[in-house]
Amino acid sequence: MNGGIPLHRYAHARAGDKGDRLNLAVFVHEACHYPWLLEQLSEARVMALFRHRGVSAVRLYPMPKLGGMNLVLDDVLQGGVNGALNLDGHGKTLSALLLALPVTPPPGTARANVQPR
């Protein structure tokens, strides 16, 4: 999906961590885009995006009534806040990496009409 539009145009995210496990909660800006979000963010696609961080598993938990999903990534924080030598042991900026993922615009959304959020 090279040349796509960044996910952040259609969704926002929050990150949380526990040890070496990262939770990324992603929510669409418009409820009608929820089915599209499920198509764009598969476990395999998220796993590929975070492969360079050593992720060993990704689980996706749909939250249809909230217009979002929770992604749980294992072994992505390089040991967690107390064990990692990286600058973001908590993983807070990893939600920005996810939101930079190029996506295909939702059906009915004109590519030229997408406004930055």
PDB file of N, CA and C in Angstrom:
ATOM      1  N   MET A   1       0.811  -1.184   0.000  1.00  0.00           N
ATOM      2  CA  MET A   1       0.000   0.000   0.000  1.00  0.00           C
ATOM      3  C   MET A   1       0.858   1.252   0.000  1.00  0.00           C
ATOM      4  N   ASN A   2       1.939   1.184  -0.711  1.00  0.00           N
ATOM      5  CA  ASN A   2       2.786   2.364  -0.820  1.00  0.00           C
ATOM      6  C   ASN A   2       2.001   3.494  -1.454  1.00  0.00           C
ATOM      7  N   GLY A   3       2.262   4.694  -1.022  1.00  0.00           N
ATOM      8  CA  GLY A   3       1.579   5.842  -1.570  1.00  0.00           C
ATOM      9  C   GLY A   3       0.209   6.075  -0.963  1.00  0.00           C
ATOM     10  N   GLY A   4      -0.143   5.313   0.051  1.00  0.00           N
ATOM     11  CA  GLY A   4      -1.431   5.494   0.712  1.00  0.00           C
ATOM     12  C   GLY A   4      -1.431   6.744   1.567  1.00  0.00           C
ATOM     13  N   ILE A   5      -2.525   6.942   2.223  1.00  0.00           N
ATOM     14  CA  ILE A   5      -2.690   8.090   3.114  1.00  0.00           C
ATOM     15  C   ILE A   5      -2.452   7.614   4.545  1.00  0.00           C
ATOM     16  N   PRO A   6      -1.773   8.380   5.394  1.00  0.00           N
ATOM     17  CA  PRO A   6      -1.502   7.933   6.763  1.00  0.00           C
ATOM     18  C   PRO A   6      -2.786   7.661   7.547  1.00  0.00           C
ATOM     19  N   LEU A   7      -2.758   6.608   8.310  1.00  0.00           N
ATOM     20  CA  LEU A   7      -3.898   6.200   9.122  1.00  0.00           C
ATOM     21  C   LEU A   7      -4.402   7.335  10.014  1.00  0.00           C
ATOM     22  N   HIS A   8      -3.520   8.206  10.464  1.00  0.00           N
ATOM     23  CA  HIS A   8      -3.933   9.273  11.397  1.00  0.00           C
ATOM     24  C   HIS A   8      -4.969  10.216  10.798  1.00  0.00           C
ATOM     25  N   ARG A   9      -5.151  10.208   9.490  1.00  0.00           N
ATOM     26  CA  ARG A   9      -6.185  11.039   8.875  1.00  0.00           C
ATOM     27  C   ARG A   9      -7.589  10.525   9.219  1.00  0.00           C
ATOM     28  N   TYR A  10      -7.680   9.242   9.568  1.00  0.00           N
ATOM     29  CA  TYR A  10      -8.973   8.606   9.805  1.00  0.00           C
ATOM     30  C   TYR A  10      -9.153   8.066  11.215  1.00  0.00           C
ATOM     31  N   ALA A  11      -8.076   8.035  12.007  1.00  0.00           N
ATOM     32  CA  ALA A  11      -8.154   7.395  13.323  1.00  0.00           C
ATOM     33  C   ALA A  11      -7.176   8.048  14.291  1.00  0.00           C
ATOM     34  N   HIS A  12      -7.381   7.791  15.570  1.00  0.00           N
ATOM     35  CA  HIS A  12      -6.437   8.212  16.600  1.00  0.00           C
ATOM     36  C   HIS A  12      -6.124   7.003  17.462  1.00  0.00           C
ATOM     37  N   ALA A  13      -5.078   7.098  18.254  1.00  0.00           N
ATOM     38  CA  ALA A  13      -4.634   5.937  19.034  1.00  0.00           C
ATOM     39  C   ALA A  13      -4.087   6.361  20.387  1.00  0.00           C
ATOM     40  N   ARG A  14      -4.106   5.405  21.301  1.00  0.00           N
ATOM     41  CA  ARG A  14      -3.503   5.557  22.623  1.00  0.00           C
ATOM     42  C   ARG A  14      -2.657   4.321  22.878  1.00  0.00           C
ATOM     43  N   ALA A  15      -1.590   4.494  23.618  1.00  0.00           N
ATOM     44  CA  ALA A  15      -0.698   3.375  23.919  1.00  0.00           C
ATOM     45  C   ALA A  15      -0.605   3.176  25.419  1.00  0.00           C
ATOM     46  N   GLY A  16      -0.421   1.938  25.805  1.00  0.00           N
ATOM     47  CA  GLY A  16      -0.188   1.583  27.204  1.00  0.00           C
ATOM     48  C   GLY A  16       0.750   0.392  27.239  1.00  0.00           C
ATOM     49  N   ASP A  17       1.402   0.180  28.354  1.00  0.00           N
ATOM     50  CA  ASP A  17       2.366  -0.914  28.410  1.00  0.00           C
ATOM     51  C   ASP A  17       2.348  -1.588  29.765  1.00  0.00           C
ATOM     52  N   LYS A  18       2.780  -2.813  29.777  1.00  0.00           N
ATOM     53  CA  LYS A  18       2.984  -3.593  30.996  1.00  0.00           C
ATOM     54  C   LYS A  18       4.149  -4.522  30.690  1.00  0.00           C
ATOM     55  N   GLY A  19       5.276  -4.265  31.301  1.00  0.00           N
ATOM     56  CA  GLY A  19       6.453  -5.087  31.019  1.00  0.00           C
ATOM     57  C   GLY A  19       6.859  -4.946  29.565  1.00  0.00           C
ATOM     58  N   ASP A  20       6.905  -6.058  28.869  1.00  0.00           N
ATOM     59  CA  ASP A  20       7.315  -6.071  27.469  1.00  0.00           C
ATOM     60  C   ASP A  20       6.111  -6.201  26.533  1.00  0.00           C
ATOM     61  N   ARG A  21       4.926  -5.900  27.030  1.00  0.00           N
ATOM     62  CA  ARG A  21       3.687  -5.992  26.250  1.00  0.00           C
ATOM     63  C   ARG A  21       3.141  -4.587  26.025  1.00  0.00           C
ATOM     64  N   LEU A  22       2.746  -4.318  24.782  1.00  0.00           N
ATOM     65  CA  LEU A  22       2.214  -3.011  24.407  1.00  0.00           C
ATOM     66  C   LEU A  22       0.764  -3.154  23.979  1.00  0.00           C
ATOM     67  N   ASN A  23      -0.089  -2.265  24.472  1.00  0.00           N
ATOM     68  CA  ASN A  23      -1.479  -2.157  24.025  1.00  0.00           C
ATOM     69  C   ASN A  23      -1.593  -0.901  23.187  1.00  0.00           C
ATOM     70  N   LEU A  24      -2.142  -1.057  21.989  1.00  0.00           N
ATOM     71  CA  LEU A  24      -2.432   0.084  21.132  1.00  0.00           C
ATOM     72  C   LEU A  24      -3.934   0.085  20.869  1.00  0.00           C
ATOM     73  N   ALA A  25      -4.623   1.070  21.378  1.00  0.00           N
ATOM     74  CA  ALA A  25      -6.055   1.212  21.136  1.00  0.00           C
ATOM     75  C   ALA A  25      -6.221   2.212  20.001  1.00  0.00           C
ATOM     76  N   VAL A  26      -6.939   1.810  18.962  1.00  0.00           N
ATOM     77  CA  VAL A  26      -7.129   2.631  17.766  1.00  0.00           C
ATOM     78  C   VAL A  26      -8.620   2.864  17.576  1.00  0.00           C
ATOM     79  N   PHE A  27      -9.013   4.118  17.335  1.00  0.00           N
ATOM     80  CA  PHE A  27     -10.415   4.492  17.181  1.00  0.00           C
ATOM     81  C   PHE A  27     -10.575   5.359  15.934  1.00  0.00           C
ATOM     82  N   VAL A  28     -11.590   5.064  15.132  1.00  0.00           N
ATOM     83  CA  VAL A  28     -11.853   5.873  13.937  1.00  0.00           C
ATOM     84  C   VAL A  28     -12.484   7.200  14.342  1.00  0.00           C
ATOM     85  N   HIS A  29     -12.239   8.228  13.539  1.00  0.00           N
ATOM     86  CA  HIS A  29     -12.856   9.534  13.778  1.00  0.00           C
ATOM     87  C   HIS A  29     -14.344   9.506  13.438  1.00  0.00           C
ATOM     88  N   GLU A  30     -14.697   8.713  12.418  1.00  0.00           N
ATOM     89  CA  GLU A  30     -16.085   8.622  11.967  1.00  0.00           C
ATOM     90  C   GLU A  30     -16.543   7.175  12.079  1.00  0.00           C
ATOM     91  N   ALA A  31     -17.641   6.947  12.782  1.00  0.00           N
ATOM     92  CA  ALA A  31     -18.132   5.591  13.048  1.00  0.00           C
ATOM     93  C   ALA A  31     -18.315   4.771  11.777  1.00  0.00           C
ATOM     94  N   CYS A  32     -18.685   5.400  10.684  1.00  0.00           N
ATOM     95  CA  CYS A  32     -18.901   4.661   9.436  1.00  0.00           C
ATOM     96  C   CYS A  32     -17.619   4.037   8.891  1.00  0.00           C
ATOM     97  N   HIS A  33     -16.467   4.463   9.387  1.00  0.00           N
ATOM     98  CA  HIS A  33     -15.187   3.920   8.923  1.00  0.00           C
ATOM     99  C   HIS A  33     -14.725   2.700   9.726  1.00  0.00           C
ATOM    100  N   TYR A  34     -15.494   2.277  10.709  1.00  0.00           N
ATOM    101  CA  TYR A  34     -15.059   1.155  11.544  1.00  0.00           C
ATOM    102  C   TYR A  34     -14.833  -0.139  10.754  1.00  0.00           C
ATOM    103  N   PRO A  35     -15.751  -0.574   9.890  1.00  0.00           N
ATOM    104  CA  PRO A  35     -15.478  -1.806   9.119  1.00  0.00           C
ATOM    105  C   PRO A  35     -14.216  -1.680   8.266  1.00  0.00           C
ATOM    106  N   TRP A  36     -13.989  -0.501   7.735  1.00  0.00           N
ATOM    107  CA  TRP A  36     -12.781  -0.239   6.939  1.00  0.00           C
ATOM    108  C   TRP A  36     -11.529  -0.405   7.801  1.00  0.00           C
ATOM    109  N   LEU A  37     -11.581   0.089   9.045  1.00  0.00           N
ATOM    110  CA  LEU A  37     -10.432  -0.033   9.944  1.00  0.00           C
ATOM    111  C   LEU A  37     -10.066  -1.496  10.160  1.00  0.00           C
ATOM    112  N   LEU A  38     -11.066  -2.337  10.354  1.00  0.00           N
ATOM    113  CA  LEU A  38     -10.808  -3.765  10.545  1.00  0.00           C
ATOM    114  C   LEU A  38     -10.122  -4.378   9.332  1.00  0.00           C
ATOM    115  N   GLU A  39     -10.443  -3.892   8.141  1.00  0.00           N
ATOM    116  CA  GLU A  39      -9.795  -4.391   6.928  1.00  0.00           C
ATOM    117  C   GLU A  39      -8.351  -3.906   6.824  1.00  0.00           C
ATOM    118  N   GLN A  40      -8.086  -2.695   7.255  1.00  0.00           N
ATOM    119  CA  GLN A  40      -6.757  -2.090   7.111  1.00  0.00           C
ATOM    120  C   GLN A  40      -5.743  -2.604   8.132  1.00  0.00           C
ATOM    121  N   LEU A  41      -6.202  -2.904   9.348  1.00  0.00           N
ATOM    122  CA  LEU A  41      -5.276  -3.298  10.413  1.00  0.00           C
ATOM    123  C   LEU A  41      -5.487  -4.757  10.805  1.00  0.00           C
ATOM    124  N   SER A  42      -4.884  -5.632  10.072  1.00  0.00           N
ATOM    125  CA  SER A  42      -4.915  -7.046  10.437  1.00  0.00           C
ATOM    126  C   SER A  42      -3.756  -7.329  11.391  1.00  0.00           C
ATOM    127  N   GLU A  43      -3.843  -8.435  12.097  1.00  0.00           N
ATOM    128  CA  GLU A  43      -2.743  -8.834  12.982  1.00  0.00           C
ATOM    129  C   GLU A  43      -1.451  -8.984  12.192  1.00  0.00           C
ATOM    130  N   ALA A  44      -1.541  -9.563  10.996  1.00  0.00           N
ATOM    131  CA  ALA A  44      -0.338  -9.778  10.168  1.00  0.00           C
ATOM    132  C   ALA A  44       0.281  -8.452   9.733  1.00  0.00           C
ATOM    133  N   ARG A  45      -0.548  -7.483   9.377  1.00  0.00           N
ATOM    134  CA  ARG A  45      -0.018  -6.191   8.933  1.00  0.00           C
ATOM    135  C   ARG A  45       0.654  -5.443  10.075  1.00  0.00           C
ATOM    136  N   VAL A  46       0.066  -5.497  11.258  1.00  0.00           N
ATOM    137  CA  VAL A  46       0.665  -4.838  12.420  1.00  0.00           C
ATOM    138  C   VAL A  46       1.956  -5.552  12.814  1.00  0.00           C
ATOM    139  N   MET A  47       1.961  -6.869  12.727  1.00  0.00           N
ATOM    140  CA  MET A  47       3.172  -7.649  13.035  1.00  0.00           C
ATOM    141  C   MET A  47       4.312  -7.235  12.099  1.00  0.00           C
ATOM    142  N   ALA A  48       4.016  -7.080  10.817  1.00  0.00           N
ATOM    143  CA  ALA A  48       5.037  -6.671   9.850  1.00  0.00           C
ATOM    144  C   ALA A  48       5.555  -5.264  10.154  1.00  0.00           C
ATOM    145  N   LEU A  49       4.661  -4.358  10.555  1.00  0.00           N
ATOM    146  CA  LEU A  49       5.060  -2.987  10.861  1.00  0.00           C
ATOM    147  C   LEU A  49       6.030  -2.924  12.040  1.00  0.00           C
ATOM    148  N   PHE A  50       5.830  -3.792  13.039  1.00  0.00           N
ATOM    149  CA  PHE A  50       6.658  -3.769  14.251  1.00  0.00           C
ATOM    150  C   PHE A  50       7.728  -4.858  14.277  1.00  0.00           C
ATOM    151  N   ARG A  51       7.925  -5.544  13.166  1.00  0.00           N
ATOM    152  CA  ARG A  51       8.913  -6.633  13.114  1.00  0.00           C
ATOM    153  C   ARG A  51      10.295  -6.165  13.559  1.00  0.00           C
ATOM    154  N   HIS A  52      10.689  -4.966  13.162  1.00  0.00           N
ATOM    155  CA  HIS A  52      12.015  -4.447  13.516  1.00  0.00           C
ATOM    156  C   HIS A  52      12.190  -4.269  15.025  1.00  0.00           C
ATOM    157  N   ARG A  53      11.098  -4.275  15.775  1.00  0.00           N
ATOM    158  CA  ARG A  53      11.159  -4.135  17.230  1.00  0.00           C
ATOM    159  C   ARG A  53      11.182  -5.487  17.942  1.00  0.00           C
ATOM    160  N   GLY A  54      11.155  -6.582  17.174  1.00  0.00           N
ATOM    161  CA  GLY A  54      11.223  -7.917  17.775  1.00  0.00           C
ATOM    162  C   GLY A  54       9.890  -8.461  18.248  1.00  0.00           C
ATOM    163  N   VAL A  55       8.774  -7.913  17.776  1.00  0.00           N
ATOM    164  CA  VAL A  55       7.451  -8.373  18.200  1.00  0.00           C
ATOM    165  C   VAL A  55       7.309  -9.870  17.912  1.00  0.00           C
ATOM    166  N   SER A  56       6.767 -10.604  18.889  1.00  0.00           N
ATOM    167  CA  SER A  56       6.604 -12.052  18.721  1.00  0.00           C
ATOM    168  C   SER A  56       5.158 -12.461  18.473  1.00  0.00           C
ATOM    169  N   ALA A  57       4.203 -11.613  18.837  1.00  0.00           N
ATOM    170  CA  ALA A  57       2.789 -11.930  18.621  1.00  0.00           C
ATOM    171  C   ALA A  57       1.976 -10.650  18.623  1.00  0.00           C
ATOM    172  N   VAL A  58       0.896 -10.656  17.849  1.00  0.00           N
ATOM    173  CA  VAL A  58      -0.063  -9.545  17.816  1.00  0.00           C
ATOM    174  C   VAL A  58      -1.453 -10.156  17.915  1.00  0.00           C
ATOM    175  N   ARG A  59      -2.241  -9.624  18.830  1.00  0.00           N
ATOM    176  CA  ARG A  59      -3.636 -10.052  18.952  1.00  0.00           C
ATOM    177  C   ARG A  59      -4.527  -8.817  18.812  1.00  0.00           C
ATOM    178  N   LEU A  60      -5.593  -8.979  18.047  1.00  0.00           N
ATOM    179  CA  LEU A  60      -6.512  -7.884  17.777  1.00  0.00           C
ATOM    180  C   LEU A  60      -7.842  -8.187  18.459  1.00  0.00           C
ATOM    181  N   TYR A  61      -8.312  -7.221  19.229  1.00  0.00           N
ATOM    182  CA  TYR A  61      -9.594  -7.335  19.922  1.00  0.00           C
ATOM    183  C   TYR A  61     -10.513  -6.230  19.414  1.00  0.00           C
ATOM    184  N   PRO A  62     -11.487  -6.587  18.562  1.00  0.00           N
ATOM    185  CA  PRO A  62     -12.415  -5.572  18.040  1.00  0.00           C
ATOM    186  C   PRO A  62     -13.289  -4.984  19.147  1.00  0.00           C
ATOM    187  N   MET A  63     -13.576  -3.696  19.034  1.00  0.00           N
ATOM    188  CA  MET A  63     -14.475  -3.004  19.957  1.00  0.00           C
ATOM    189  C   MET A  63     -15.499  -2.238  19.124  1.00  0.00           C
ATOM    190  N   PRO A  64     -16.439  -2.956  18.496  1.00  0.00           N
ATOM    191  CA  PRO A  64     -17.346  -2.323  17.540  1.00  0.00           C
ATOM    192  C   PRO A  64     -18.219  -1.222  18.131  1.00  0.00           C
ATOM    193  N   LYS A  65     -18.644  -1.354  19.367  1.00  0.00           N
ATOM    194  CA  LYS A  65     -19.516  -0.321  19.949  1.00  0.00           C
ATOM    195  C   LYS A  65     -18.755   0.963  20.248  1.00  0.00           C
ATOM    196  N   LEU A  66     -17.421   0.871  20.283  1.00  0.00           N
ATOM    197  CA  LEU A  66     -16.587   2.055  20.512  1.00  0.00           C
ATOM    198  C   LEU A  66     -15.941   2.560  19.219  1.00  0.00           C
ATOM    199  N   GLY A  67     -16.142   1.836  18.138  1.00  0.00           N
ATOM    200  CA  GLY A  67     -15.532   2.237  16.870  1.00  0.00           C
ATOM    201  C   GLY A  67     -14.031   2.084  16.877  1.00  0.00           C
ATOM    202  N   GLY A  68     -13.554   1.035  17.549  1.00  0.00           N
ATOM    203  CA  GLY A  68     -12.111   0.864  17.632  1.00  0.00           C
ATOM    204  C   GLY A  68     -11.686  -0.576  17.825  1.00  0.00           C
ATOM    205  N   MET A  69     -10.431  -0.720  18.135  1.00  0.00           N
ATOM    206  CA  MET A  69      -9.841  -2.029  18.388  1.00  0.00           C
ATOM    207  C   MET A  69      -8.692  -1.867  19.360  1.00  0.00           C
ATOM    208  N   ASN A  70      -8.398  -2.955  20.056  1.00  0.00           N
ATOM    209  CA  ASN A  70      -7.227  -2.990  20.918  1.00  0.00           C
ATOM    210  C   ASN A  70      -6.261  -3.988  20.312  1.00  0.00           C
ATOM    211  N   LEU A  71      -5.047  -3.552  20.077  1.00  0.00           N
ATOM    212  CA  LEU A  71      -3.988  -4.412  19.570  1.00  0.00           C
ATOM    213  C   LEU A  71      -3.023  -4.678  20.707  1.00  0.00           C
ATOM    214  N   VAL A  72      -2.737  -5.940  20.966  1.00  0.00           N
ATOM    215  CA  VAL A  72      -1.802  -6.318  22.021  1.00  0.00           C
ATOM    216  C   VAL A  72      -0.580  -6.924  21.343  1.00  0.00           C
ATOM    217  N   LEU A  73       0.581  -6.299  21.574  1.00  0.00           N
ATOM    218  CA  LEU A  73       1.825  -6.727  20.953  1.00  0.00           C
ATOM    219  C   LEU A  73       2.767  -7.240  22.030  1.00  0.00           C
ATOM    220  N   ASP A  74       3.263  -8.451  21.845  1.00  0.00           N
ATOM    221  CA  ASP A  74       4.190  -9.055  22.800  1.00  0.00           C
ATOM    222  C   ASP A  74       5.634  -8.863  22.357  1.00  0.00           C
ATOM    223  N   ASP A  75       6.507  -8.646  23.336  1.00  0.00           N
ATOM    224  CA  ASP A  75       7.955  -8.561  23.134  1.00  0.00           C
ATOM    225  C   ASP A  75       8.370  -7.422  22.210  1.00  0.00           C
ATOM    226  N   VAL A  76       7.630  -6.326  22.239  1.00  0.00           N
ATOM    227  CA  VAL A  76       7.919  -5.210  21.346  1.00  0.00           C
ATOM    228  C   VAL A  76       8.671  -4.076  22.052  1.00  0.00           C
ATOM    229  N   LEU A  77       8.735  -4.111  23.378  1.00  0.00           N
ATOM    230  CA  LEU A  77       9.352  -3.010  24.124  1.00  0.00           C
ATOM    231  C   LEU A  77      10.787  -3.293  24.549  1.00  0.00           C
ATOM    232  N   GLN A  78      11.365  -4.313  23.971  1.00  0.00           N
ATOM    233  CA  GLN A  78      12.773  -4.641  24.198  1.00  0.00           C
ATOM    234  C   GLN A  78      13.102  -4.752  25.683  1.00  0.00           C
ATOM    235  N   GLY A  79      12.215  -5.410  26.409  1.00  0.00           N
ATOM    236  CA  GLY A  79      12.435  -5.640  27.827  1.00  0.00           C
ATOM    237  C   GLY A  79      11.570  -4.791  28.744  1.00  0.00           C
ATOM    238  N   GLY A  80      10.940  -3.769  28.232  1.00  0.00           N
ATOM    239  CA  GLY A  80      10.099  -2.915  29.053  1.00  0.00           C
ATOM    240  C   GLY A  80      10.877  -1.767  29.664  1.00  0.00           C
ATOM    241  N   VAL A  81      10.185  -0.946  30.411  1.00  0.00           N
ATOM    242  CA  VAL A  81      10.752   0.299  30.919  1.00  0.00           C
ATOM    243  C   VAL A  81      12.000   0.074  31.778  1.00  0.00           C
ATOM    244  N   ASN A  82      12.039  -0.983  32.539  1.00  0.00           N
ATOM    245  CA  ASN A  82      13.195  -1.215  33.409  1.00  0.00           C
ATOM    246  C   ASN A  82      14.320  -1.983  32.738  1.00  0.00           C
ATOM    247  N   GLY A  83      14.050  -2.608  31.603  1.00  0.00           N
ATOM    248  CA  GLY A  83      15.071  -3.423  30.967  1.00  0.00           C
ATOM    249  C   GLY A  83      15.565  -2.926  29.636  1.00  0.00           C
ATOM    250  N   ALA A  84      14.880  -1.976  29.030  1.00  0.00           N
ATOM    251  CA  ALA A  84      15.242  -1.527  27.687  1.00  0.00           C
ATOM    252  C   ALA A  84      16.269  -0.411  27.731  1.00  0.00           C
ATOM    253  N   LEU A  85      17.107  -0.396  26.731  1.00  0.00           N
ATOM    254  CA  LEU A  85      18.092   0.670  26.590  1.00  0.00           C
ATOM    255  C   LEU A  85      17.634   1.733  25.593  1.00  0.00           C
ATOM    256  N   ASN A  86      16.435   1.562  25.031  1.00  0.00           N
ATOM    257  CA  ASN A  86      15.961   2.545  24.057  1.00  0.00           C
ATOM    258  C   ASN A  86      15.377   3.763  24.768  1.00  0.00           C
ATOM    259  N   LEU A  87      15.083   4.794  24.008  1.00  0.00           N
ATOM    260  CA  LEU A  87      14.594   6.045  24.586  1.00  0.00           C
ATOM    261  C   LEU A  87      13.126   6.005  24.965  1.00  0.00           C
ATOM    262  N   ASP A  88      12.395   5.008  24.461  1.00  0.00           N
ATOM    263  CA  ASP A  88      10.962   4.952  24.721  1.00  0.00           C
ATOM    264  C   ASP A  88      10.610   3.594  25.316  1.00  0.00           C
ATOM    265  N   GLY A  89      11.081   3.328  26.504  1.00  0.00           N
ATOM    266  CA  GLY A  89      10.805   2.068  27.167  1.00  0.00           C
ATOM    267  C   GLY A  89       9.334   1.847  27.445  1.00  0.00           C
ATOM    268  N   HIS A  90       8.564   2.928  27.523  1.00  0.00           N
ATOM    269  CA  HIS A  90       7.128   2.816  27.753  1.00  0.00           C
ATOM    270  C   HIS A  90       6.350   2.538  26.475  1.00  0.00           C
ATOM    271  N   GLY A  91       6.912   2.818  25.319  1.00  0.00           N
ATOM    272  CA  GLY A  91       6.234   2.558  24.059  1.00  0.00           C
ATOM    273  C   GLY A  91       5.198   3.592  23.660  1.00  0.00           C
ATOM    274  N   LYS A  92       5.180   4.748  24.310  1.00  0.00           N
ATOM    275  CA  LYS A  92       4.154   5.752  24.012  1.00  0.00           C
ATOM    276  C   LYS A  92       4.231   6.245  22.562  1.00  0.00           C
ATOM    277  N   THR A  93       5.421   6.406  22.029  1.00  0.00           N
ATOM    278  CA  THR A  93       5.535   6.910  20.661  1.00  0.00           C
ATOM    279  C   THR A  93       5.226   5.850  19.611  1.00  0.00           C
ATOM    280  N   LEU A  94       5.080   4.597  20.018  1.00  0.00           N
ATOM    281  CA  LEU A  94       4.785   3.559  19.037  1.00  0.00           C
ATOM    282  C   LEU A  94       3.384   3.703  18.457  1.00  0.00           C
ATOM    283  N   SER A  95       2.490   4.398  19.145  1.00  0.00           N
ATOM    284  CA  SER A  95       1.181   4.675  18.551  1.00  0.00           C
ATOM    285  C   SER A  95       1.358   5.599  17.345  1.00  0.00           C
ATOM    286  N   ALA A  96       2.343   6.491  17.387  1.00  0.00           N
ATOM    287  CA  ALA A  96       2.606   7.371  16.245  1.00  0.00           C
ATOM    288  C   ALA A  96       3.100   6.569  15.048  1.00  0.00           C
ATOM    289  N   LEU A  97       3.896   5.535  15.301  1.00  0.00           N
ATOM    290  CA  LEU A  97       4.347   4.671  14.210  1.00  0.00           C
ATOM    291  C   LEU A  97       3.148   3.992  13.549  1.00  0.00           C
ATOM    292  N   LEU A  98       2.234   3.488  14.349  1.00  0.00           N
ATOM    293  CA  LEU A  98       1.040   2.848  13.801  1.00  0.00           C
ATOM    294  C   LEU A  98       0.204   3.851  13.003  1.00  0.00           C
ATOM    295  N   LEU A  99       0.046   5.051  13.528  1.00  0.00           N
ATOM    296  CA  LEU A  99      -0.780   6.056  12.851  1.00  0.00           C
ATOM    297  C   LEU A  99      -0.140   6.598  11.575  1.00  0.00           C
ATOM    298  N   ALA A 100       1.157   6.360  11.383  1.00  0.00           N
ATOM    299  CA  ALA A 100       1.832   6.758  10.148  1.00  0.00           C
ATOM    300  C   ALA A 100       1.690   5.704   9.054  1.00  0.00           C
ATOM    301  N   LEU A 101       1.122   4.559   9.385  1.00  0.00           N
ATOM    302  CA  LEU A 101       0.952   3.471   8.424  1.00  0.00           C
ATOM    303  C   LEU A 101       0.124   3.930   7.227  1.00  0.00           C
ATOM    304  N   PRO A 102       0.634   3.745   6.000  1.00  0.00           N
ATOM    305  CA  PRO A 102      -0.152   4.128   4.818  1.00  0.00           C
ATOM    306  C   PRO A 102      -1.348   3.195   4.647  1.00  0.00           C
ATOM    307  N   VAL A 103      -2.506   3.777   4.411  1.00  0.00           N
ATOM    308  CA  VAL A 103      -3.735   3.007   4.229  1.00  0.00           C
ATOM    309  C   VAL A 103      -4.431   3.454   2.949  1.00  0.00           C
ATOM    310  N   THR A 104      -5.303   2.593   2.465  1.00  0.00           N
ATOM    311  CA  THR A 104      -6.182   2.932   1.356  1.00  0.00           C
ATOM    312  C   THR A 104      -7.348   3.718   1.937  1.00  0.00           C
ATOM    313  N   PRO A 105      -7.727   4.827   1.334  1.00  0.00           N
ATOM    314  CA  PRO A 105      -8.844   5.615   1.888  1.00  0.00           C
ATOM    315  C   PRO A 105     -10.119   4.789   2.013  1.00  0.00           C
ATOM    316  N   PRO A 106     -10.946   5.103   3.002  1.00  0.00           N
ATOM    317  CA  PRO A 106     -12.219   4.391   3.146  1.00  0.00           C
ATOM    318  C   PRO A 106     -13.095   4.584   1.909  1.00  0.00           C
ATOM    319  N   PRO A 107     -13.978   3.617   1.636  1.00  0.00           N
ATOM    320  CA  PRO A 107     -14.890   3.763   0.498  1.00  0.00           C
ATOM    321  C   PRO A 107     -15.694   5.061   0.602  1.00  0.00           C
ATOM    322  N   GLY A 108     -15.849   5.724  -0.517  1.00  0.00           N
ATOM    323  CA  GLY A 108     -16.616   6.956  -0.545  1.00  0.00           C
ATOM    324  C   GLY A 108     -15.835   8.182  -0.125  1.00  0.00           C
ATOM    325  N   THR A 109     -14.575   8.014   0.225  1.00  0.00           N
ATOM    326  CA  THR A 109     -13.740   9.138   0.637  1.00  0.00           C
ATOM    327  C   THR A 109     -12.841   9.503  -0.532  1.00  0.00           C
ATOM    328  N   ALA A 110     -13.003  10.674  -1.045  1.00  0.00           N
ATOM    329  CA  ALA A 110     -12.158  11.116  -2.153  1.00  0.00           C
ATOM    330  C   ALA A 110     -10.760  11.396  -1.631  1.00  0.00           C
ATOM    331  N   ARG A 111      -9.765  10.807  -2.258  1.00  0.00           N
ATOM    332  CA  ARG A 111      -8.373  10.981  -1.847  1.00  0.00           C
ATOM    333  C   ARG A 111      -8.000  12.456  -1.775  1.00  0.00           C
ATOM    334  N   ALA A 112      -8.439  13.245  -2.736  1.00  0.00           N
ATOM    335  CA  ALA A 112      -8.071  14.663  -2.764  1.00  0.00           C
ATOM    336  C   ALA A 112      -8.749  15.475  -1.668  1.00  0.00           C
ATOM    337  N   ASN A 113      -9.844  14.965  -1.130  1.00  0.00           N
ATOM    338  CA  ASN A 113     -10.586  15.724  -0.129  1.00  0.00           C
ATOM    339  C   ASN A 113     -10.161  15.441   1.305  1.00  0.00           C
ATOM    340  N   VAL A 114      -9.176  14.608   1.499  1.00  0.00           N
ATOM    341  CA  VAL A 114      -8.744  14.267   2.845  1.00  0.00           C
ATOM    342  C   VAL A 114      -8.008  15.444   3.457  1.00  0.00           C
ATOM    343  N   GLN A 115      -8.473  15.867   4.593  1.00  0.00           N
ATOM    344  CA  GLN A 115      -7.861  16.999   5.290  1.00  0.00           C
ATOM    345  C   GLN A 115      -7.025  16.488   6.457  1.00  0.00           C
ATOM    346  N   PRO A 116      -5.867  17.083   6.704  1.00  0.00           N
ATOM    347  CA  PRO A 116      -5.063  16.680   7.866  1.00  0.00           C
ATOM    348  C   PRO A 116      -5.807  16.972   9.153  1.00  0.00           C
ATOM    349  N   ARG A 117      -5.596  16.131  10.152  1.00  0.00           N
ATOM    350  CA  ARG A 117      -6.222  16.333  11.460  1.00  0.00           C
ATOM    351  C   ARG A 117      -5.208  16.901  12.397  1.00  0.00           C
TER     352      ARG A 117
END
